[in-house]
Protein backbone atom coordinates (compact mmCIF):
# COMPACT_ATOMS: atom_id res chain seq x y z
CA MET A 1 7.72 20.84 31.27
CA GLY A 2 9.76 17.97 31.64
CA LYS A 3 6.58 15.77 30.44
CA ALA A 4 6.19 18.20 27.24
CA PHE A 5 9.97 17.99 26.42
CA LEU A 6 9.92 14.24 26.49
CA ILE A 7 6.94 14.03 24.08
CA LEU A 8 8.50 16.24 21.46
CA LEU A 9 11.49 13.96 21.74
CA LEU A 10 9.09 11.09 21.19
CA LEU A 11 7.22 12.85 18.15
CA LEU A 12 10.83 13.53 16.87
CA ALA A 13 11.78 10.05 17.11
CA MET A 14 9.01 8.51 15.73
CA ALA A 15 9.14 11.10 12.88
CA ALA A 16 12.73 9.86 12.30
CA THR A 17 11.76 6.39 11.94
CA LEU A 18 9.30 7.31 9.52
CA PHE A 19 11.67 8.96 7.48
CA MET A 20 14.20 6.26 7.45
CA LEU A 21 11.35 3.82 6.81
CA ILE A 22 10.59 5.75 3.66
CA ARG A 23 13.97 6.44 2.46
CA GLY A 24 14.71 2.70 2.42
CA ILE A 25 11.59 1.85 0.72
CA VAL A 26 12.70 4.17 -1.92
CA THR A 27 16.17 2.64 -2.07
CA PHE A 28 14.82 -0.82 -2.50
CA LEU A 29 12.58 0.33 -5.25
CA LYS A 30 15.46 2.01 -6.98
CA THR A 31 17.27 -1.40 -7.00
CA THR A 32 18.03 -2.86 -10.51
CA GLU A 33 18.53 -6.27 -12.03
CA ALA A 34 21.91 -5.37 -12.73
CA ASP A 35 22.40 -4.32 -9.05
CA LEU A 36 21.32 -7.88 -7.93
CA ARG A 37 23.20 -10.10 -10.68
CA SER A 38 26.37 -7.93 -10.08
CA ASP A 39 29.59 -10.11 -9.80
CA ALA A 40 31.11 -7.58 -7.64
CA ALA A 41 32.66 -8.98 -4.53
CA GLY A 42 30.64 -7.92 -1.50
CA PRO A 43 27.42 -6.29 -1.13
CA SER A 44 26.48 -3.88 -3.90
CA GLN A 45 26.09 0.19 -3.13
CA SER A 46 22.24 -0.34 -3.32
CA SER A 47 22.55 -3.20 -0.51
CA LEU A 48 24.50 -0.86 1.37
CA LYS A 49 22.19 1.75 1.41
CA GLN A 50 19.37 -0.16 2.37
CA ASN A 51 21.42 -1.71 5.07
CA LYS A 52 22.21 1.90 6.28
CA ALA A 53 18.33 3.01 6.21
CA MET A 54 17.53 -0.30 8.05
CA MET A 55 19.83 0.27 10.67
CA GLY A 56 18.86 3.95 10.99
CA ARG A 57 15.14 2.92 11.42
CA ILE A 58 16.05 0.23 14.06
CA THR A 59 18.12 2.99 16.17
CA PHE A 60 15.18 5.80 16.13
CA GLN A 61 12.49 3.12 17.05
CA ALA A 62 14.63 2.00 19.93
CA VAL A 63 15.33 5.92 21.08
CA ALA A 64 11.37 6.13 20.35
CA ILE A 65 10.77 3.00 22.57
CA LEU A 66 13.09 4.06 25.34
CA LEU A 67 11.53 7.44 25.54
CA LEU A 68 8.18 5.90 25.77
CA ALA A 69 9.03 3.83 28.33
CA LEU A 70 10.64 6.78 30.41
CA LEU A 71 7.48 8.44 29.93
CA MET A 72 5.35 5.52 31.31
CA LEU A 73 7.86 5.17 34.21
CA ALA A 74 7.84 9.20 35.10
CA PHE A 75 4.23 9.97 34.61
CA GLY A 76 2.52 6.63 34.67
CA LYS A 77 -0.30 6.24 37.35
CA GLY A 78 -0.20 3.18 39.88
């Protein structure tokens, strides 16, 4: 039961990582030349969205790696 639960959590973390990756790529592709050449102080809205997607992806990747390590420690042989 515990192993199946950890595997389910790992699959959810991997799916969330993929979702955030796709979301970041879509946001990147929607960036216009006006966003890149903006004279506004600070980052553009597009840059902020890209950064948020990247941080979400990194967070979910870290969770997936921790769950994988926990699975290996708890149920690995040897």
